[in-house]
Amino acid sequence: MRYVIAFFLPWLSLLLQGKILSGIVCLLLQITLIGWIPAFIWAVTSLNRMYADRRTQDIIAAIKQGNNNL
């Protein structure tokens, strides 16, 4: 669902991630037709980075939990 939002409304995708200033800049970029493509790419890469950070935090938590069990 977030990728659909990133496709149609890249600025909203950034705002939902808590990146307010980036969302505003992305909105200004999306206003132009040519700027819509970079705004979309920016929103998708930001989503991918967010999901990668979540996976990394999950792995770190699992490693810490595994070390506590030893």
PDB file of N, CA and C in Angstrom:
ATOM      1  N   MET A   1       0.823  -1.193   0.000  1.00  0.00           N
ATOM      2  CA  MET A   1       0.000   0.000   0.000  1.00  0.00           C
ATOM      3  C   MET A   1       0.865   1.253   0.000  1.00  0.00           C
ATOM      4  N   ARG A   2       1.952   1.223   0.755  1.00  0.00           N
ATOM      5  CA  ARG A   2       2.821   2.398   0.792  1.00  0.00           C
ATOM      6  C   ARG A   2       3.454   2.681  -0.559  1.00  0.00           C
ATOM      7  N   TYR A   3       3.709   1.624  -1.338  1.00  0.00           N
ATOM      8  CA  TYR A   3       4.291   1.829  -2.660  1.00  0.00           C
ATOM      9  C   TYR A   3       3.285   2.463  -3.619  1.00  0.00           C
ATOM     10  N   VAL A   4       2.015   2.161  -3.449  1.00  0.00           N
ATOM     11  CA  VAL A   4       0.981   2.805  -4.266  1.00  0.00           C
ATOM     12  C   VAL A   4       0.911   4.284  -3.927  1.00  0.00           C
ATOM     13  N   ILE A   5       0.968   4.594  -2.636  1.00  0.00           N
ATOM     14  CA  ILE A   5       0.980   5.999  -2.216  1.00  0.00           C
ATOM     15  C   ILE A   5       2.231   6.690  -2.750  1.00  0.00           C
ATOM     16  N   ALA A   6       3.365   5.995  -2.706  1.00  0.00           N
ATOM     17  CA  ALA A   6       4.617   6.578  -3.208  1.00  0.00           C
ATOM     18  C   ALA A   6       4.529   6.848  -4.699  1.00  0.00           C
ATOM     19  N   PHE A   7       3.773   6.034  -5.422  1.00  0.00           N
ATOM     20  CA  PHE A   7       3.645   6.231  -6.862  1.00  0.00           C
ATOM     21  C   PHE A   7       2.778   7.440  -7.191  1.00  0.00           C
ATOM     22  N   PHE A   8       1.627   7.530  -6.546  1.00  0.00           N
ATOM     23  CA  PHE A   8       0.692   8.600  -6.877  1.00  0.00           C
ATOM     24  C   PHE A   8       0.963   9.893  -6.113  1.00  0.00           C
ATOM     25  N   LEU A   9       1.340   9.787  -4.843  1.00  0.00           N
ATOM     26  CA  LEU A   9       1.581  10.962  -4.004  1.00  0.00           C
ATOM     27  C   LEU A   9       2.900  10.793  -3.251  1.00  0.00           C
ATOM     28  N   PRO A  10       4.026  10.977  -3.935  1.00  0.00           N
ATOM     29  CA  PRO A  10       5.321  10.770  -3.278  1.00  0.00           C
ATOM     30  C   PRO A  10       5.500  11.620  -2.026  1.00  0.00           C
ATOM     31  N   TRP A  11       5.007  12.837  -2.038  1.00  0.00           N
ATOM     32  CA  TRP A  11       5.161  13.724  -0.880  1.00  0.00           C
ATOM     33  C   TRP A  11       4.426  13.173   0.338  1.00  0.00           C
ATOM     34  N   LEU A  12       3.265  12.563   0.123  1.00  0.00           N
ATOM     35  CA  LEU A  12       2.503  11.989   1.234  1.00  0.00           C
ATOM     36  C   LEU A  12       3.230  10.779   1.816  1.00  0.00           C
ATOM     37  N   SER A  13       3.858  10.012   0.957  1.00  0.00           N
ATOM     38  CA  SER A  13       4.633   8.862   1.428  1.00  0.00           C
ATOM     39  C   SER A  13       5.741   9.309   2.378  1.00  0.00           C
ATOM     40  N   LEU A  14       6.422  10.394   2.031  1.00  0.00           N
ATOM     41  CA  LEU A  14       7.483  10.906   2.899  1.00  0.00           C
ATOM     42  C   LEU A  14       6.914  11.469   4.192  1.00  0.00           C
ATOM     43  N   LEU A  15       5.780  12.140   4.107  1.00  0.00           N
ATOM     44  CA  LEU A  15       5.158  12.670   5.322  1.00  0.00           C
ATOM     45  C   LEU A  15       4.736  11.553   6.269  1.00  0.00           C
ATOM     46  N   LEU A  16       4.222  10.452   5.722  1.00  0.00           N
ATOM     47  CA  LEU A  16       3.801   9.327   6.555  1.00  0.00           C
ATOM     48  C   LEU A  16       4.979   8.640   7.235  1.00  0.00           C
ATOM     49  N   GLN A  17       6.174   8.821   6.686  1.00  0.00           N
ATOM     50  CA  GLN A  17       7.381   8.266   7.301  1.00  0.00           C
ATOM     51  C   GLN A  17       7.930   9.204   8.372  1.00  0.00           C
ATOM     52  N   GLY A  18       7.317  10.371   8.517  1.00  0.00           N
ATOM     53  CA  GLY A  18       7.770  11.324   9.522  1.00  0.00           C
ATOM     54  C   GLY A  18       8.812  12.290   9.012  1.00  0.00           C
ATOM     55  N   LYS A  19       9.020  12.328   7.727  1.00  0.00           N
ATOM     56  CA  LYS A  19      10.004  13.231   7.114  1.00  0.00           C
ATOM     57  C   LYS A  19       9.263  14.442   6.565  1.00  0.00           C
ATOM     58  N   ILE A  20       8.997  15.388   7.445  1.00  0.00           N
ATOM     59  CA  ILE A  20       8.133  16.518   7.096  1.00  0.00           C
ATOM     60  C   ILE A  20       8.805  17.449   6.087  1.00  0.00           C
ATOM     61  N   LEU A  21      10.030  17.846   6.349  1.00  0.00           N
ATOM     62  CA  LEU A  21      10.718  18.759   5.436  1.00  0.00           C
ATOM     63  C   LEU A  21      10.934  18.102   4.074  1.00  0.00           C
ATOM     64  N   SER A  22      11.296  16.833   4.068  1.00  0.00           N
ATOM     65  CA  SER A  22      11.475  16.120   2.805  1.00  0.00           C
ATOM     66  C   SER A  22      10.153  16.028   2.054  1.00  0.00           C
ATOM     67  N   GLY A  23       9.063  15.838   2.771  1.00  0.00           N
ATOM     68  CA  GLY A  23       7.753  15.782   2.140  1.00  0.00           C
ATOM     69  C   GLY A  23       7.376  17.089   1.479  1.00  0.00           C
ATOM     70  N   ILE A  24       7.691  18.197   2.129  1.00  0.00           N
ATOM     71  CA  ILE A  24       7.386  19.512   1.558  1.00  0.00           C
ATOM     72  C   ILE A  24       8.230  19.763   0.313  1.00  0.00           C
ATOM     73  N   VAL A  25       9.515  19.445   0.395  1.00  0.00           N
ATOM     74  CA  VAL A  25      10.393  19.618  -0.763  1.00  0.00           C
ATOM     75  C   VAL A  25       9.939  18.713  -1.904  1.00  0.00           C
ATOM     76  N   CYS A  26       9.536  17.506  -1.578  1.00  0.00           N
ATOM     77  CA  CYS A  26       9.051  16.568  -2.584  1.00  0.00           C
ATOM     78  C   CYS A  26       7.763  17.079  -3.229  1.00  0.00           C
ATOM     79  N   LEU A  27       6.889  17.691  -2.448  1.00  0.00           N
ATOM     80  CA  LEU A  27       5.665  18.271  -2.999  1.00  0.00           C
ATOM     81  C   LEU A  27       5.994  19.376  -3.986  1.00  0.00           C
ATOM     82  N   LEU A  28       6.935  20.222  -3.640  1.00  0.00           N
ATOM     83  CA  LEU A  28       7.344  21.281  -4.557  1.00  0.00           C
ATOM     84  C   LEU A  28       7.951  20.699  -5.828  1.00  0.00           C
ATOM     85  N   LEU A  29       8.676  19.617  -5.689  1.00  0.00           N
ATOM     86  CA  LEU A  29       9.264  18.952  -6.843  1.00  0.00           C
ATOM     87  C   LEU A  29       8.190  18.279  -7.687  1.00  0.00           C
ATOM     88  N   GLN A  30       7.183  17.715  -7.046  1.00  0.00           N
ATOM     89  CA  GLN A  30       6.131  17.000  -7.764  1.00  0.00           C
ATOM     90  C   GLN A  30       5.211  17.945  -8.520  1.00  0.00           C
ATOM     91  N   ILE A  31       5.152  19.189  -8.136  1.00  0.00           N
ATOM     92  CA  ILE A  31       4.260  20.138  -8.803  1.00  0.00           C
ATOM     93  C   ILE A  31       4.599  20.239 -10.290  1.00  0.00           C
ATOM     94  N   THR A  32       5.885  20.161 -10.609  1.00  0.00           N
ATOM     95  CA  THR A  32       6.265  20.178 -12.017  1.00  0.00           C
ATOM     96  C   THR A  32       6.142  18.773 -12.575  1.00  0.00           C
ATOM     97  N   LEU A  33       5.774  18.663 -13.828  1.00  0.00           N
ATOM     98  CA  LEU A  33       5.589  17.348 -14.435  1.00  0.00           C
ATOM     99  C   LEU A  33       6.914  16.605 -14.534  1.00  0.00           C
ATOM    100  N   ILE A  34       7.973  17.310 -14.863  1.00  0.00           N
ATOM    101  CA  ILE A  34       9.285  16.682 -14.980  1.00  0.00           C
ATOM    102  C   ILE A  34       9.799  16.264 -13.601  1.00  0.00           C
ATOM    103  N   GLY A  35       9.488  17.028 -12.574  1.00  0.00           N
ATOM    104  CA  GLY A  35       9.950  16.726 -11.230  1.00  0.00           C
ATOM    105  C   GLY A  35       9.216  15.584 -10.565  1.00  0.00           C
ATOM    106  N   TRP A  36       8.098  15.138 -11.167  1.00  0.00           N
ATOM    107  CA  TRP A  36       7.332  14.059 -10.560  1.00  0.00           C
ATOM    108  C   TRP A  36       8.122  12.758 -10.553  1.00  0.00           C
ATOM    109  N   ILE A  37       8.860  12.487 -11.608  1.00  0.00           N
ATOM    110  CA  ILE A  37       9.631  11.242 -11.687  1.00  0.00           C
ATOM    111  C   ILE A  37      10.713  11.189 -10.614  1.00  0.00           C
ATOM    112  N   PRO A  38      11.540  12.234 -10.439  1.00  0.00           N
ATOM    113  CA  PRO A  38      12.507  12.184  -9.331  1.00  0.00           C
ATOM    114  C   PRO A  38      11.835  12.113  -7.961  1.00  0.00           C
ATOM    115  N   ALA A  39      10.677  12.748  -7.806  1.00  0.00           N
ATOM    116  CA  ALA A  39       9.957  12.685  -6.525  1.00  0.00           C
ATOM    117  C   ALA A  39       9.509  11.259  -6.241  1.00  0.00           C
ATOM    118  N   PHE A  40       9.028  10.568  -7.252  1.00  0.00           N
ATOM    119  CA  PHE A  40       8.618   9.173  -7.106  1.00  0.00           C
ATOM    120  C   PHE A  40       9.812   8.290  -6.746  1.00  0.00           C
ATOM    121  N   ILE A  41      10.916   8.482  -7.431  1.00  0.00           N
ATOM    122  CA  ILE A  41      12.120   7.689  -7.149  1.00  0.00           C
ATOM    123  C   ILE A  41      12.599   7.955  -5.725  1.00  0.00           C
ATOM    124  N   TRP A  42      12.570   9.209  -5.316  1.00  0.00           N
ATOM    125  CA  TRP A  42      12.979   9.588  -3.965  1.00  0.00           C
ATOM    126  C   TRP A  42      12.096   8.900  -2.923  1.00  0.00           C
ATOM    127  N   ALA A  43      10.790   8.887  -3.145  1.00  0.00           N
ATOM    128  CA  ALA A  43       9.861   8.276  -2.187  1.00  0.00           C
ATOM    129  C   ALA A  43      10.067   6.763  -2.109  1.00  0.00           C
ATOM    130  N   VAL A  44      10.290   6.112  -3.234  1.00  0.00           N
ATOM    131  CA  VAL A  44      10.478   4.663  -3.231  1.00  0.00           C
ATOM    132  C   VAL A  44      11.792   4.284  -2.559  1.00  0.00           C
ATOM    133  N   THR A  45      12.863   5.013  -2.848  1.00  0.00           N
ATOM    134  CA  THR A  45      14.139   4.703  -2.192  1.00  0.00           C
ATOM    135  C   THR A  45      14.059   4.972  -0.697  1.00  0.00           C
ATOM    136  N   SER A  46      13.306   5.975  -0.308  1.00  0.00           N
ATOM    137  CA  SER A  46      13.125   6.251   1.112  1.00  0.00           C
ATOM    138  C   SER A  46      12.348   5.123   1.791  1.00  0.00           C
ATOM    139  N   LEU A  47      11.342   4.589   1.107  1.00  0.00           N
ATOM    140  CA  LEU A  47      10.596   3.449   1.647  1.00  0.00           C
ATOM    141  C   LEU A  47      11.493   2.228   1.788  1.00  0.00           C
ATOM    142  N   ASN A  48      12.291   1.961   0.759  1.00  0.00           N
ATOM    143  CA  ASN A  48      13.205   0.817   0.819  1.00  0.00           C
ATOM    144  C   ASN A  48      14.190   0.962   1.971  1.00  0.00           C
ATOM    145  N   ARG A  49      14.679   2.174   2.186  1.00  0.00           N
ATOM    146  CA  ARG A  49      15.610   2.430   3.287  1.00  0.00           C
ATOM    147  C   ARG A  49      14.920   2.222   4.635  1.00  0.00           C
ATOM    148  N   MET A  50      13.670   2.642   4.748  1.00  0.00           N
ATOM    149  CA  MET A  50      12.926   2.473   5.993  1.00  0.00           C
ATOM    150  C   MET A  50      12.744   0.989   6.314  1.00  0.00           C
ATOM    151  N   TYR A  51      12.364   0.194   5.306  1.00  0.00           N
ATOM    152  CA  TYR A  51      12.179  -1.235   5.525  1.00  0.00           C
ATOM    153  C   TYR A  51      13.503  -1.929   5.843  1.00  0.00           C
ATOM    154  N   ALA A  52      14.586  -1.494   5.218  1.00  0.00           N
ATOM    155  CA  ALA A  52      15.902  -2.072   5.512  1.00  0.00           C
ATOM    156  C   ALA A  52      16.315  -1.752   6.946  1.00  0.00           C
ATOM    157  N   ASP A  53      16.037  -0.534   7.395  1.00  0.00           N
ATOM    158  CA  ASP A  53      16.354  -0.168   8.780  1.00  0.00           C
ATOM    159  C   ASP A  53      15.560  -1.011   9.768  1.00  0.00           C
ATOM    160  N   ARG A  54      14.304  -1.282   9.459  1.00  0.00           N
ATOM    161  CA  ARG A  54      13.486  -2.134  10.333  1.00  0.00           C
ATOM    162  C   ARG A  54      14.053  -3.542  10.407  1.00  0.00           C
ATOM    163  N   ARG A  55      14.443  -4.092   9.249  1.00  0.00           N
ATOM    164  CA  ARG A  55      15.019  -5.444   9.247  1.00  0.00           C
ATOM    165  C   ARG A  55      16.305  -5.477  10.060  1.00  0.00           C
ATOM    166  N   THR A  56      17.128  -4.443   9.911  1.00  0.00           N
ATOM    167  CA  THR A  56      18.382  -4.383  10.657  1.00  0.00           C
ATOM    168  C   THR A  56      18.126  -4.331  12.159  1.00  0.00           C
ATOM    169  N   GLN A  57      17.158  -3.542  12.586  1.00  0.00           N
ATOM    170  CA  GLN A  57      16.834  -3.456  14.005  1.00  0.00           C
ATOM    171  C   GLN A  57      16.314  -4.797  14.529  1.00  0.00           C
ATOM    172  N   ASP A  58      15.533  -5.499  13.711  1.00  0.00           N
ATOM    173  CA  ASP A  58      15.044  -6.827  14.116  1.00  0.00           C
ATOM    174  C   ASP A  58      16.200  -7.807  14.277  1.00  0.00           C
ATOM    175  N   ILE A  59      17.160  -7.747  13.370  1.00  0.00           N
ATOM    176  CA  ILE A  59      18.318  -8.640  13.448  1.00  0.00           C
ATOM    177  C   ILE A  59      19.155  -8.322  14.682  1.00  0.00           C
ATOM    178  N   ILE A  60      19.360  -7.048  14.953  1.00  0.00           N
ATOM    179  CA  ILE A  60      20.135  -6.643  16.135  1.00  0.00           C
ATOM    180  C   ILE A  60      19.438  -7.112  17.410  1.00  0.00           C
ATOM    181  N   ALA A  61      18.122  -6.959  17.462  1.00  0.00           N
ATOM    182  CA  ALA A  61      17.370  -7.405  18.643  1.00  0.00           C
ATOM    183  C   ALA A  61      17.466  -8.918  18.810  1.00  0.00           C
ATOM    184  N   ALA A  62      17.416  -9.667  17.703  1.00  0.00           N
ATOM    185  CA  ALA A  62      17.521 -11.125  17.791  1.00  0.00           C
ATOM    186  C   ALA A  62      18.911 -11.550  18.255  1.00  0.00           C
ATOM    187  N   ILE A  63      19.934 -10.856  17.793  1.00  0.00           N
ATOM    188  CA  ILE A  63      21.296 -11.181  18.219  1.00  0.00           C
ATOM    189  C   ILE A  63      21.469 -10.900  19.707  1.00  0.00           C
ATOM    190  N   LYS A  64      20.955  -9.762  20.169  1.00  0.00           N
ATOM    191  CA  LYS A  64      21.057  -9.430  21.596  1.00  0.00           C
ATOM    192  C   LYS A  64      20.287 -10.440  22.442  1.00  0.00           C
ATOM    193  N   GLN A  65      19.141 -10.854  21.970  1.00  0.00           N
ATOM    194  CA  GLN A  65      18.351 -11.840  22.711  1.00  0.00           C
ATOM    195  C   GLN A  65      19.082 -13.178  22.725  1.00  0.00           C
ATOM    196  N   GLY A  66      19.711 -13.536  21.635  1.00  0.00           N
ATOM    197  CA  GLY A  66      20.475 -14.785  21.585  1.00  0.00           C
ATOM    198  C   GLY A  66      21.672 -14.757  22.516  1.00  0.00           C
ATOM    199  N   ASN A  67      22.324 -13.611  22.645  1.00  0.00           N
ATOM    200  CA  ASN A  67      23.476 -13.486  23.546  1.00  0.00           C
ATOM    201  C   ASN A  67      23.038 -13.557  25.016  1.00  0.00           C
ATOM    202  N   ASN A  68      21.849 -13.104  25.304  1.00  0.00           N
ATOM    203  CA  ASN A  68      21.344 -13.146  26.676  1.00  0.00           C
ATOM    204  C   ASN A  68      21.010 -14.566  27.111  1.00  0.00           C
ATOM    205  N   ASN A  69      20.696 -15.426  26.152  1.00  0.00           N
ATOM    206  CA  ASN A  69      20.328 -16.804  26.472  1.00  0.00           C
ATOM    207  C   ASN A  69      21.561 -17.684  26.711  1.00  0.00           C
ATOM    208  N   LEU A  70      22.733 -17.202  26.363  1.00  0.00           N
ATOM    209  CA  LEU A  70      23.937 -18.022  26.550  1.00  0.00           C
ATOM    210  C   LEU A  70      24.318 -17.997  27.962  1.00  0.00           C
TER     211      LEU A  70
END
